[in-house]
Amino acid sequence: MGDPYTGMTLKKNYFSVEHEGGSSDKWSRIITFKYNLDDGSYYLHKDAGTNWSSFKPNKVHNDVYSKQLWGKALFSNYSVDF
């Protein structure tokens, strides 16, 4: 597998890290962090992913995880396995 990193998006007080990969079974994931003006830290805001088979491209599975699931997660402490 190659490097799944595809880019980064910056918008106002947010930044997102974008990944994708796969061959016949494909996936993408965007993890967004929000800047907190009170303490000057970035916190996990949203973690969303999509996966699909190239044999069934119209059958897409979406997963969206929100901050309600993990509370306050600092960017500096966040890690994810792909």
N, C-alpha and C. Protein backbone atom coordinates (compact mmCIF):
# COMPACT_ATOMS: atom_id res chain seq x y z
N MET A 1 0.85 -1.17 0.00
CA MET A 1 0.00 0.00 0.00
C MET A 1 0.89 1.23 0.00
N GLY A 2 0.53 2.21 -0.79
CA GLY A 2 1.25 3.48 -0.84
C GLY A 2 0.82 4.41 0.28
N ASP A 3 1.28 5.61 0.19
CA ASP A 3 0.95 6.62 1.20
C ASP A 3 -0.50 7.05 1.01
N PRO A 4 -1.37 6.87 2.01
CA PRO A 4 -2.78 7.22 1.86
C PRO A 4 -3.07 8.72 1.97
N TYR A 5 -2.08 9.52 2.39
CA TYR A 5 -2.29 10.96 2.56
C TYR A 5 -2.57 11.60 1.20
N THR A 6 -3.68 12.36 1.10
CA THR A 6 -4.01 13.03 -0.16
C THR A 6 -4.02 14.54 -0.06
N GLY A 7 -4.06 15.09 1.15
CA GLY A 7 -4.02 16.54 1.25
C GLY A 7 -4.54 17.07 2.56
N MET A 8 -4.52 18.40 2.62
CA MET A 8 -4.98 19.11 3.81
C MET A 8 -5.80 20.31 3.36
N THR A 9 -6.86 20.60 4.09
CA THR A 9 -7.71 21.75 3.81
C THR A 9 -7.74 22.64 5.04
N LEU A 10 -7.57 23.94 4.82
CA LEU A 10 -7.64 24.93 5.90
C LEU A 10 -8.82 25.85 5.66
N LYS A 11 -9.62 26.11 6.69
CA LYS A 11 -10.77 26.99 6.56
C LYS A 11 -11.09 27.60 7.92
N LYS A 12 -10.98 28.90 8.01
CA LYS A 12 -11.23 29.63 9.26
C LYS A 12 -10.50 28.98 10.42
N ASN A 13 -11.21 28.51 11.43
CA ASN A 13 -10.59 27.91 12.62
C ASN A 13 -10.50 26.38 12.54
N TYR A 14 -10.56 25.82 11.33
CA TYR A 14 -10.55 24.38 11.14
C TYR A 14 -9.42 23.97 10.19
N PHE A 15 -8.95 22.74 10.36
CA PHE A 15 -8.13 22.12 9.32
C PHE A 15 -8.51 20.65 9.24
N SER A 16 -8.44 20.11 8.02
CA SER A 16 -8.79 18.72 7.78
C SER A 16 -7.63 18.02 7.11
N VAL A 17 -7.41 16.77 7.51
CA VAL A 17 -6.41 15.91 6.90
C VAL A 17 -7.17 14.84 6.12
N GLU A 18 -6.79 14.66 4.85
CA GLU A 18 -7.53 13.79 3.95
C GLU A 18 -6.67 12.59 3.54
N HIS A 19 -7.31 11.40 3.54
CA HIS A 19 -6.63 10.16 3.17
C HIS A 19 -7.55 9.36 2.26
N GLU A 20 -6.94 8.52 1.42
CA GLU A 20 -7.72 7.54 0.65
C GLU A 20 -6.79 6.43 0.21
N GLY A 21 -7.39 5.29 -0.08
CA GLY A 21 -6.58 4.16 -0.51
C GLY A 21 -7.44 3.01 -0.98
N GLY A 22 -6.78 1.89 -1.22
CA GLY A 22 -7.46 0.69 -1.66
C GLY A 22 -7.23 0.40 -3.12
N SER A 23 -7.61 -0.81 -3.51
CA SER A 23 -7.54 -1.20 -4.91
C SER A 23 -8.94 -1.58 -5.36
N SER A 24 -9.38 -2.82 -5.12
CA SER A 24 -10.77 -3.13 -5.47
C SER A 24 -11.72 -2.67 -4.37
N ASP A 25 -11.29 -2.76 -3.12
CA ASP A 25 -12.05 -2.18 -2.01
C ASP A 25 -11.43 -0.84 -1.67
N LYS A 26 -12.14 0.23 -1.91
CA LYS A 26 -11.61 1.58 -1.76
C LYS A 26 -12.17 2.26 -0.51
N TRP A 27 -11.43 3.26 -0.02
CA TRP A 27 -11.86 3.99 1.16
C TRP A 27 -11.32 5.41 1.12
N SER A 28 -11.98 6.28 1.83
CA SER A 28 -11.49 7.65 2.03
C SER A 28 -11.84 8.06 3.46
N ARG A 29 -11.06 9.01 3.97
CA ARG A 29 -11.31 9.47 5.34
C ARG A 29 -10.86 10.91 5.47
N ILE A 30 -11.68 11.71 6.12
CA ILE A 30 -11.35 13.11 6.39
C ILE A 30 -11.50 13.34 7.89
N ILE A 31 -10.42 13.81 8.51
CA ILE A 31 -10.41 14.06 9.95
C ILE A 31 -10.23 15.56 10.14
N THR A 32 -11.18 16.19 10.83
CA THR A 32 -11.19 17.64 10.98
C THR A 32 -10.97 18.04 12.44
N PHE A 33 -10.12 19.06 12.60
CA PHE A 33 -9.81 19.60 13.92
C PHE A 33 -10.21 21.07 13.96
N LYS A 34 -10.65 21.53 15.13
CA LYS A 34 -11.09 22.92 15.30
C LYS A 34 -10.23 23.60 16.35
N TYR A 35 -9.84 24.83 16.05
CA TYR A 35 -9.03 25.64 16.96
C TYR A 35 -9.91 26.22 18.06
N ASN A 36 -9.46 26.08 19.31
CA ASN A 36 -10.17 26.62 20.46
C ASN A 36 -9.49 27.92 20.87
N LEU A 37 -10.21 29.02 20.74
CA LEU A 37 -9.65 30.33 21.06
C LEU A 37 -9.32 30.48 22.55
N ASP A 38 -10.04 29.78 23.41
CA ASP A 38 -9.83 29.92 24.86
C ASP A 38 -8.48 29.38 25.32
N ASP A 39 -8.07 28.23 24.79
CA ASP A 39 -6.81 27.65 25.26
C ASP A 39 -5.73 27.52 24.18
N GLY A 40 -6.03 27.96 22.95
CA GLY A 40 -5.03 27.94 21.89
C GLY A 40 -4.66 26.56 21.38
N SER A 41 -5.57 25.60 21.52
CA SER A 41 -5.31 24.22 21.09
C SER A 41 -6.29 23.81 20.00
N TYR A 42 -5.90 22.79 19.24
CA TYR A 42 -6.79 22.19 18.25
C TYR A 42 -7.39 20.92 18.84
N TYR A 43 -8.71 20.76 18.63
CA TYR A 43 -9.43 19.59 19.12
C TYR A 43 -10.12 18.88 17.96
N LEU A 44 -10.23 17.56 18.09
CA LEU A 44 -10.93 16.77 17.09
C LEU A 44 -12.37 17.25 16.99
N HIS A 45 -12.81 17.53 15.78
CA HIS A 45 -14.16 18.03 15.54
C HIS A 45 -15.02 16.99 14.84
N LYS A 46 -14.44 16.29 13.85
CA LYS A 46 -15.20 15.32 13.07
C LYS A 46 -14.25 14.33 12.43
N ASP A 47 -14.67 13.09 12.36
CA ASP A 47 -13.90 12.03 11.72
C ASP A 47 -14.89 11.27 10.83
N ALA A 48 -14.73 11.38 9.53
CA ALA A 48 -15.70 10.79 8.60
C ALA A 48 -14.98 9.94 7.56
N GLY A 49 -15.58 8.80 7.23
CA GLY A 49 -14.99 7.92 6.24
C GLY A 49 -16.04 7.32 5.33
N THR A 50 -15.57 6.88 4.18
CA THR A 50 -16.41 6.25 3.17
C THR A 50 -15.66 5.04 2.64
N ASN A 51 -16.38 3.94 2.41
CA ASN A 51 -15.75 2.81 1.73
C ASN A 51 -16.72 2.21 0.73
N TRP A 52 -16.14 1.61 -0.32
CA TRP A 52 -16.94 1.05 -1.39
C TRP A 52 -16.09 0.06 -2.17
N SER A 53 -16.76 -0.79 -2.93
CA SER A 53 -16.08 -1.75 -3.79
C SER A 53 -16.11 -1.22 -5.22
N SER A 54 -15.01 -1.37 -5.93
CA SER A 54 -15.01 -0.93 -7.33
C SER A 54 -15.92 -1.82 -8.17
N PHE A 55 -16.30 -3.00 -7.64
CA PHE A 55 -17.23 -3.87 -8.34
C PHE A 55 -18.68 -3.45 -8.11
N LYS A 56 -18.93 -2.69 -7.04
CA LYS A 56 -20.27 -2.16 -6.73
C LYS A 56 -20.13 -0.69 -6.34
N PRO A 57 -19.76 0.18 -7.29
CA PRO A 57 -19.47 1.58 -6.95
C PRO A 57 -20.68 2.37 -6.44
N ASN A 58 -21.89 1.88 -6.69
CA ASN A 58 -23.08 2.60 -6.21
C ASN A 58 -23.47 2.21 -4.79
N LYS A 59 -22.81 1.20 -4.24
CA LYS A 59 -23.07 0.78 -2.86
C LYS A 59 -21.96 1.34 -1.97
N VAL A 60 -22.24 2.48 -1.38
CA VAL A 60 -21.25 3.21 -0.58
C VAL A 60 -21.65 3.15 0.89
N HIS A 61 -20.66 2.91 1.74
CA HIS A 61 -20.90 2.89 3.19
C HIS A 61 -20.21 4.10 3.81
N ASN A 62 -20.97 4.92 4.54
CA ASN A 62 -20.43 6.12 5.18
C ASN A 62 -20.42 5.95 6.69
N ASP A 63 -19.33 6.40 7.31
CA ASP A 63 -19.22 6.44 8.76
C ASP A 63 -18.87 7.86 9.16
N VAL A 64 -19.63 8.44 10.07
CA VAL A 64 -19.32 9.77 10.59
C VAL A 64 -19.29 9.68 12.10
N TYR A 65 -18.15 10.04 12.66
CA TYR A 65 -17.98 10.03 14.10
C TYR A 65 -17.86 11.48 14.55
N SER A 66 -18.61 11.85 15.55
CA SER A 66 -18.61 13.24 15.99
C SER A 66 -18.02 13.36 17.39
N LYS A 67 -17.77 14.60 17.79
CA LYS A 67 -17.13 14.85 19.08
C LYS A 67 -17.95 14.35 20.27
N GLN A 68 -19.23 14.08 20.08
CA GLN A 68 -20.04 13.53 21.16
C GLN A 68 -19.55 12.14 21.56
N LEU A 69 -18.86 11.44 20.67
CA LEU A 69 -18.37 10.10 20.96
C LEU A 69 -17.08 10.10 21.78
N TRP A 70 -16.28 11.13 21.68
CA TRP A 70 -14.97 11.11 22.33
C TRP A 70 -14.69 12.28 23.25
N GLY A 71 -15.60 13.21 23.39
CA GLY A 71 -15.37 14.36 24.25
C GLY A 71 -14.32 15.28 23.65
N LYS A 72 -13.45 15.82 24.48
CA LYS A 72 -12.40 16.72 24.00
C LYS A 72 -11.14 15.90 23.70
N ALA A 73 -10.81 15.76 22.43
CA ALA A 73 -9.62 15.03 22.02
C ALA A 73 -8.65 16.02 21.38
N LEU A 74 -7.53 16.23 22.02
CA LEU A 74 -6.51 17.14 21.50
C LEU A 74 -5.86 16.59 20.24
N PHE A 75 -5.57 17.46 19.30
CA PHE A 75 -4.85 17.07 18.09
C PHE A 75 -3.53 16.40 18.45
N SER A 76 -2.82 16.94 19.41
CA SER A 76 -1.50 16.41 19.78
C SER A 76 -1.56 14.99 20.35
N ASN A 77 -2.73 14.56 20.81
CA ASN A 77 -2.89 13.22 21.37
C ASN A 77 -3.61 12.26 20.44
N TYR A 78 -4.10 12.74 19.30
CA TYR A 78 -4.95 11.93 18.43
C TYR A 78 -4.12 11.06 17.50
N SER A 79 -4.49 9.81 17.39
CA SER A 79 -3.86 8.93 16.40
C SER A 79 -4.94 8.01 15.84
N VAL A 80 -4.69 7.55 14.64
CA VAL A 80 -5.67 6.69 13.98
C VAL A 80 -4.91 5.63 13.19
N ASP A 81 -5.48 4.42 13.13
CA ASP A 81 -4.90 3.34 12.33
C ASP A 81 -5.72 3.21 11.06
N PHE A 82 -5.01 3.05 9.95
CA PHE A 82 -5.70 2.86 8.67
C PHE A 82 -5.59 1.44 8.23
